[in-house]
């Protein structure tokens, strides 16, 4: 079980998500190209959000979790949580962020 988890952590999220993308090679009517562009734009946006979170919290080891948050949660929720977690009253901003996102991910399931 732990080997599977370690293998998953080693996979780049973009490569992992590309495995599940189904493309019909027989239909080349332009729709596929449009979907590919939207897919790539979404992946770039998710990577950018995750990179920003790594930079904000100085936590490169948490990048996989940040990618999951960026993929499943809205950007507005993430930014609102970042703002709330960086207030002076919060002692551990990363812990606050992770707990808030974890709750939201469970609620969305």
Protein backbone atom coordinates (compact mmCIF):
# COMPACT_ATOMS: atom_id res chain seq x y z
CA UNK A 1 0.00 0.00 0.00
CA UNK A 2 2.76 2.47 0.89
CA UNK A 3 4.57 1.68 -2.37
CA UNK A 4 1.46 2.74 -4.31
CA UNK A 5 1.26 5.97 -2.32
CA UNK A 6 4.95 6.70 -2.91
CA UNK A 7 4.58 5.95 -6.62
CA UNK A 8 1.63 8.36 -6.79
CA UNK A 9 3.63 11.10 -5.05
CA UNK A 10 6.41 10.72 -7.62
CA UNK A 11 4.05 11.25 -10.55
CA UNK A 12 3.70 14.78 -11.85
CA UNK A 13 0.04 15.76 -11.49
CA UNK A 14 -0.18 16.80 -15.14
CA UNK A 15 1.08 13.39 -16.31
CA UNK A 16 -1.33 11.72 -13.91
CA UNK A 17 -4.30 13.70 -15.19
CA UNK A 18 -3.33 13.17 -18.84
CA UNK A 19 -3.73 9.41 -18.36
CA UNK A 20 -7.45 9.90 -17.86
CA UNK A 21 -8.02 12.15 -20.86
CA UNK A 22 -9.76 10.26 -23.65
CA UNK A 23 -9.16 11.45 -27.18
CA UNK A 24 -10.87 9.94 -30.20
CA UNK A 25 -8.32 10.03 -33.03
CA UNK A 26 -11.01 9.46 -35.66
CA UNK A 27 -12.76 12.78 -34.96
CA UNK A 28 -10.61 15.70 -36.04
CA UNK A 29 -13.32 18.34 -36.27
CA UNK A 30 -11.67 21.00 -34.10
CA UNK A 31 -13.62 20.20 -30.95
CA UNK A 32 -10.80 17.98 -29.72
CA UNK A 33 -8.28 20.79 -30.22
CA UNK A 34 -10.50 23.21 -28.30
CA UNK A 35 -10.86 20.73 -25.43
CA UNK A 36 -7.10 20.17 -25.38
CA UNK A 37 -6.49 23.91 -25.11
CA UNK A 38 -8.95 24.24 -22.23
CA UNK A 39 -7.41 21.18 -20.53
CA UNK A 40 -3.89 22.60 -20.83
CA UNK A 41 -5.04 26.03 -19.61
CA UNK A 42 -6.66 24.40 -16.58
CA UNK A 43 -3.50 22.41 -15.83
CA UNK A 44 -1.32 25.52 -16.09
CA UNK A 45 -3.68 27.43 -13.79
CA UNK A 46 -3.62 24.60 -11.21
CA UNK A 47 0.20 24.49 -11.35
CA UNK A 48 0.42 28.26 -10.94
CA UNK A 49 -1.88 28.23 -7.90
CA UNK A 50 0.07 25.37 -6.32
CA UNK A 51 3.38 27.14 -6.97
CA UNK A 52 2.03 30.31 -5.37
CA UNK A 53 0.93 28.35 -2.30
CA UNK A 54 4.36 26.72 -2.03
CA UNK A 55 5.92 30.19 -2.19
CA UNK A 56 3.50 31.74 0.32
CA UNK A 57 3.82 29.00 2.92
CA UNK A 58 7.44 28.04 2.12
CA UNK A 59 6.35 24.38 2.07
CA UNK A 60 7.59 22.53 -1.03
CA UNK A 61 6.77 19.19 0.61
CA UNK A 62 3.07 20.16 0.60
CA UNK A 63 2.93 20.74 -3.16
CA UNK A 64 0.90 17.57 -3.86
CA UNK A 65 -1.76 18.70 -1.40
CA UNK A 66 -1.73 22.20 -2.89
CA UNK A 67 -2.25 20.69 -6.36
CA UNK A 68 -5.21 18.72 -5.07
CA UNK A 69 -6.68 21.85 -3.50
CA UNK A 70 -6.14 23.88 -6.67
CA UNK A 71 -7.79 21.19 -8.79
CA UNK A 72 -10.86 20.59 -6.63
CA UNK A 73 -11.48 23.92 -4.87
CA UNK A 74 -12.29 27.30 -6.34
CA UNK A 75 -9.56 29.88 -6.64
CA UNK A 76 -11.74 32.32 -4.68
CA UNK A 77 -11.98 29.90 -1.74
CA UNK A 78 -8.22 29.29 -1.80
CA UNK A 79 -7.38 33.00 -1.83
CA UNK A 80 -9.92 33.73 0.92
CA UNK A 81 -8.37 30.99 3.04
CA UNK A 82 -4.85 32.28 2.35
CA UNK A 83 -5.91 35.75 3.50
CA UNK A 84 -7.53 34.36 6.64
CA UNK A 85 -4.53 32.16 7.45
CA UNK A 86 -2.00 34.98 7.18
CA UNK A 87 -3.69 37.20 9.77
CA UNK A 88 -1.51 37.98 12.80
CA UNK A 89 -3.91 36.17 15.17
CA UNK A 90 -3.20 32.83 13.44
CA UNK A 91 -0.12 31.17 14.91
CA UNK A 92 0.34 28.44 12.29
CA UNK A 93 -0.85 29.70 8.93
CA UNK A 94 -0.04 26.48 7.06
CA UNK A 95 -1.92 24.37 9.60
CA UNK A 96 -4.94 26.70 9.35
CA UNK A 97 -4.85 26.55 5.53
CA UNK A 98 -4.55 22.75 5.40
CA UNK A 99 -7.33 22.21 7.91
CA UNK A 100 -9.71 24.62 6.13
CA UNK A 101 -9.04 23.08 2.71
CA UNK A 102 -9.32 19.56 4.10
CA UNK A 103 -12.77 20.38 5.51
CA UNK A 104 -13.85 21.87 2.20
CA UNK A 105 -12.56 18.89 0.21
CA UNK A 106 -14.51 16.51 2.44
CA UNK A 107 -17.63 18.67 2.16
CA UNK A 108 -17.36 18.67 -1.65
CA UNK A 109 -17.13 14.89 -1.85
